[in-house]
Amino acid sequence: MTFTKTLSSLTTATLQRRIRKLSFTPIPERRCYCRDKRGRLKKLYTTFSEAQEVASTRSEVCRKGLNIYQCPEKLGWHITSNILQW
């Protein structure tokens, strides 16, 4: 059975339900394998502005300077307190 025959045999309501289900299916997150100094996976931020917002909030709370750098795997951005790494 070809794809066009399959589509023509389905009702409009069934097609709409399938499209809705497809559009809400979560896309698996891309993760990098960068680790912190304790060996845990680092949090990956998708945009620089998102990382900057989190870093400014955290630096106000813990009173520690935080820096943002691009993930070596080019998947997003990380936050670090290590000034040598930055």
N, C-alpha and C. Protein backbone atom coordinates (compact mmCIF):
# COMPACT_ATOMS: atom_id res chain seq x y z
N MET A 1 0.85 -1.18 0.00
CA MET A 1 0.00 0.00 0.00
C MET A 1 0.89 1.24 0.00
N THR A 2 0.60 2.15 -0.87
CA THR A 2 1.42 3.36 -0.96
C THR A 2 0.96 4.40 0.04
N PHE A 3 1.79 5.40 0.19
CA PHE A 3 1.50 6.47 1.15
C PHE A 3 0.24 7.23 0.76
N THR A 4 0.03 7.51 -0.52
CA THR A 4 -1.16 8.27 -0.95
C THR A 4 -2.43 7.49 -0.73
N LYS A 5 -2.40 6.18 -0.94
CA LYS A 5 -3.58 5.36 -0.68
C LYS A 5 -3.90 5.36 0.81
N THR A 6 -2.88 5.31 1.63
CA THR A 6 -3.09 5.33 3.08
C THR A 6 -3.73 6.64 3.51
N LEU A 7 -3.24 7.76 3.00
CA LEU A 7 -3.81 9.06 3.35
C LEU A 7 -5.24 9.20 2.86
N SER A 8 -5.53 8.73 1.67
CA SER A 8 -6.88 8.89 1.14
C SER A 8 -7.89 8.03 1.88
N SER A 9 -7.45 6.93 2.48
CA SER A 9 -8.38 6.06 3.21
C SER A 9 -8.69 6.58 4.61
N LEU A 10 -7.90 7.51 5.12
CA LEU A 10 -8.13 8.06 6.46
C LEU A 10 -9.12 9.22 6.40
N THR A 11 -9.90 9.36 7.44
CA THR A 11 -10.82 10.49 7.52
C THR A 11 -10.06 11.74 7.93
N THR A 12 -10.68 12.87 7.75
CA THR A 12 -10.06 14.15 8.11
C THR A 12 -9.79 14.21 9.61
N ALA A 13 -10.74 13.76 10.41
CA ALA A 13 -10.57 13.79 11.87
C ALA A 13 -9.39 12.93 12.31
N THR A 14 -9.25 11.77 11.69
CA THR A 14 -8.14 10.88 12.02
C THR A 14 -6.81 11.54 11.65
N LEU A 15 -6.76 12.16 10.48
CA LEU A 15 -5.55 12.86 10.07
C LEU A 15 -5.19 13.98 11.04
N GLN A 16 -6.21 14.75 11.45
CA GLN A 16 -5.95 15.86 12.38
C GLN A 16 -5.42 15.34 13.71
N ARG A 17 -5.98 14.23 14.19
CA ARG A 17 -5.49 13.64 15.43
C ARG A 17 -4.04 13.19 15.31
N ARG A 18 -3.71 12.58 14.19
CA ARG A 18 -2.33 12.11 13.99
C ARG A 18 -1.36 13.27 13.87
N ILE A 19 -1.77 14.33 13.19
CA ILE A 19 -0.90 15.50 13.06
C ILE A 19 -0.69 16.14 14.42
N ARG A 20 -1.77 16.27 15.20
CA ARG A 20 -1.65 16.84 16.54
C ARG A 20 -0.71 16.01 17.41
N LYS A 21 -0.84 14.69 17.32
CA LYS A 21 0.01 13.80 18.11
C LYS A 21 1.48 13.96 17.69
N LEU A 22 1.72 14.09 16.41
CA LEU A 22 3.09 14.26 15.93
C LEU A 22 3.68 15.59 16.37
N SER A 23 2.87 16.65 16.37
CA SER A 23 3.40 17.96 16.72
C SER A 23 3.69 18.10 18.20
N PHE A 24 3.08 17.28 19.04
CA PHE A 24 3.33 17.37 20.47
C PHE A 24 4.29 16.31 20.98
N THR A 25 4.81 15.50 20.09
CA THR A 25 5.77 14.49 20.50
C THR A 25 7.08 15.19 20.87
N PRO A 26 7.56 15.01 22.09
CA PRO A 26 8.78 15.71 22.49
C PRO A 26 9.98 15.25 21.69
N ILE A 27 10.81 16.20 21.33
CA ILE A 27 12.05 15.90 20.63
C ILE A 27 13.11 15.64 21.69
N PRO A 28 13.83 14.54 21.59
CA PRO A 28 14.85 14.27 22.61
C PRO A 28 15.90 15.37 22.63
N GLU A 29 16.29 15.77 23.83
CA GLU A 29 17.28 16.84 23.99
C GLU A 29 18.64 16.36 23.53
N ARG A 30 19.35 17.24 22.87
CA ARG A 30 20.73 16.93 22.51
C ARG A 30 21.57 17.24 23.73
N ARG A 31 22.36 16.30 24.14
CA ARG A 31 23.20 16.49 25.31
C ARG A 31 24.66 16.37 24.92
N CYS A 32 25.45 17.16 25.57
CA CYS A 32 26.90 17.02 25.38
C CYS A 32 27.41 16.13 26.52
N TYR A 33 28.64 15.77 26.43
CA TYR A 33 29.22 14.91 27.45
C TYR A 33 30.28 15.65 28.28
N CYS A 34 30.14 16.97 28.37
CA CYS A 34 31.05 17.77 29.19
C CYS A 34 30.78 17.49 30.67
N ARG A 35 31.85 17.43 31.44
CA ARG A 35 31.72 17.12 32.87
C ARG A 35 32.27 18.25 33.72
N ASP A 36 31.71 18.40 34.93
CA ASP A 36 32.24 19.39 35.86
C ASP A 36 33.41 18.80 36.64
N LYS A 37 33.94 19.56 37.59
CA LYS A 37 35.13 19.08 38.31
C LYS A 37 34.85 17.87 39.20
N ARG A 38 33.58 17.59 39.45
CA ARG A 38 33.23 16.41 40.24
C ARG A 38 32.83 15.22 39.37
N GLY A 39 32.88 15.40 38.06
CA GLY A 39 32.58 14.30 37.15
C GLY A 39 31.12 14.21 36.72
N ARG A 40 30.29 15.17 37.13
CA ARG A 40 28.88 15.16 36.75
C ARG A 40 28.69 15.85 35.40
N LEU A 41 27.65 15.47 34.66
CA LEU A 41 27.36 16.12 33.39
C LEU A 41 27.00 17.58 33.62
N LYS A 42 27.55 18.45 32.78
CA LYS A 42 27.28 19.89 32.92
C LYS A 42 25.92 20.22 32.32
N LYS A 43 25.30 21.24 32.85
CA LYS A 43 24.04 21.74 32.31
C LYS A 43 24.32 22.47 31.01
N LEU A 44 23.54 22.17 29.99
CA LEU A 44 23.72 22.77 28.68
C LEU A 44 22.60 23.77 28.43
N TYR A 45 22.95 24.99 28.11
CA TYR A 45 21.98 26.04 27.79
C TYR A 45 21.97 26.24 26.28
N THR A 46 20.79 26.34 25.71
CA THR A 46 20.67 26.41 24.25
C THR A 46 21.12 27.74 23.67
N THR A 47 20.91 28.84 24.40
CA THR A 47 21.29 30.15 23.90
C THR A 47 22.21 30.85 24.90
N PHE A 48 22.99 31.79 24.37
CA PHE A 48 23.88 32.57 25.22
C PHE A 48 23.08 33.40 26.21
N SER A 49 21.97 33.99 25.76
CA SER A 49 21.16 34.83 26.66
C SER A 49 20.55 34.04 27.80
N GLU A 50 20.17 32.78 27.54
CA GLU A 50 19.63 31.93 28.60
C GLU A 50 20.71 31.64 29.64
N ALA A 51 21.90 31.33 29.18
CA ALA A 51 23.02 31.07 30.11
C ALA A 51 23.38 32.32 30.89
N GLN A 52 23.34 33.48 30.22
CA GLN A 52 23.67 34.75 30.88
C GLN A 52 22.65 35.08 31.97
N GLU A 53 21.39 34.81 31.70
CA GLU A 53 20.33 35.07 32.69
C GLU A 53 20.52 34.19 33.92
N VAL A 54 20.80 32.92 33.72
CA VAL A 54 21.01 31.99 34.84
C VAL A 54 22.27 32.38 35.60
N ALA A 55 23.33 32.73 34.89
CA ALA A 55 24.59 33.10 35.54
C ALA A 55 24.43 34.35 36.40
N SER A 56 23.69 35.35 35.91
CA SER A 56 23.51 36.56 36.70
C SER A 56 22.67 36.29 37.94
N THR A 57 21.66 35.45 37.83
CA THR A 57 20.85 35.09 38.99
C THR A 57 21.68 34.34 40.01
N ARG A 58 22.45 33.36 39.56
CA ARG A 58 23.28 32.58 40.48
C ARG A 58 24.36 33.42 41.13
N SER A 59 24.97 34.33 40.37
CA SER A 59 26.06 35.13 40.95
C SER A 59 25.52 36.08 42.02
N GLU A 60 24.28 36.54 41.89
CA GLU A 60 23.67 37.37 42.94
C GLU A 60 23.45 36.56 44.20
N VAL A 61 23.02 35.32 44.05
CA VAL A 61 22.71 34.47 45.19
C VAL A 61 23.98 34.00 45.90
N CYS A 62 24.94 33.49 45.15
CA CYS A 62 26.13 32.91 45.80
C CYS A 62 27.31 33.87 45.87
N ARG A 63 27.14 35.09 45.33
CA ARG A 63 28.18 36.12 45.37
C ARG A 63 29.52 35.62 44.83
N LYS A 64 29.44 34.96 43.69
CA LYS A 64 30.63 34.41 43.07
C LYS A 64 30.58 34.75 41.58
N GLY A 65 31.69 35.15 41.02
CA GLY A 65 31.73 35.48 39.60
C GLY A 65 31.59 34.24 38.73
N LEU A 66 30.65 34.26 37.81
CA LEU A 66 30.43 33.14 36.90
C LEU A 66 30.66 33.60 35.46
N ASN A 67 31.22 32.73 34.66
CA ASN A 67 31.49 33.03 33.27
C ASN A 67 30.77 32.05 32.36
N ILE A 68 30.50 32.49 31.16
CA ILE A 68 29.80 31.69 30.17
C ILE A 68 30.77 31.36 29.05
N TYR A 69 30.74 30.12 28.60
CA TYR A 69 31.59 29.73 27.47
C TYR A 69 30.83 28.75 26.57
N GLN A 70 31.24 28.70 25.31
CA GLN A 70 30.57 27.81 24.37
C GLN A 70 31.03 26.37 24.61
N CYS A 71 30.10 25.46 24.50
CA CYS A 71 30.38 24.04 24.66
C CYS A 71 31.41 23.61 23.61
N PRO A 72 32.42 22.85 24.00
CA PRO A 72 33.41 22.38 23.02
C PRO A 72 32.79 21.55 21.90
N GLU A 73 31.65 20.92 22.16
CA GLU A 73 30.97 20.13 21.14
C GLU A 73 30.04 20.98 20.28
N LYS A 74 30.00 22.30 20.53
CA LYS A 74 29.19 23.27 19.76
C LYS A 74 27.69 22.98 19.82
N LEU A 75 27.21 22.49 20.97
CA LEU A 75 25.80 22.20 21.13
C LEU A 75 25.06 23.27 21.92
N GLY A 76 25.78 24.18 22.54
CA GLY A 76 25.15 25.21 23.36
C GLY A 76 26.18 25.94 24.19
N TRP A 77 25.79 26.32 25.41
CA TRP A 77 26.63 27.14 26.28
C TRP A 77 26.65 26.54 27.68
N HIS A 78 27.77 26.74 28.38
CA HIS A 78 27.93 26.29 29.76
C HIS A 78 28.28 27.49 30.65
N ILE A 79 28.10 27.29 31.95
CA ILE A 79 28.47 28.28 32.96
C ILE A 79 29.59 27.69 33.81
N THR A 80 30.59 28.49 34.14
CA THR A 80 31.67 28.02 34.99
C THR A 80 32.07 29.10 36.00
N SER A 81 32.58 28.63 37.13
CA SER A 81 33.15 29.56 38.12
C SER A 81 34.67 29.52 38.04
N ASN A 82 35.20 28.61 37.23
CA ASN A 82 36.64 28.45 37.07
C ASN A 82 37.15 29.52 36.11
N ILE A 83 37.90 30.46 36.62
CA ILE A 83 38.38 31.58 35.79
C ILE A 83 39.42 31.12 34.79
N LEU A 84 40.17 30.05 35.08
CA LEU A 84 41.18 29.54 34.16
C LEU A 84 40.55 28.85 32.96
N GLN A 85 39.40 28.22 33.17
CA GLN A 85 38.72 27.53 32.08
C GLN A 85 38.11 28.53 31.10
N TRP A 86 37.69 29.65 31.62
CA TRP A 86 37.03 30.67 30.81
C TRP A 86 38.07 31.36 29.98
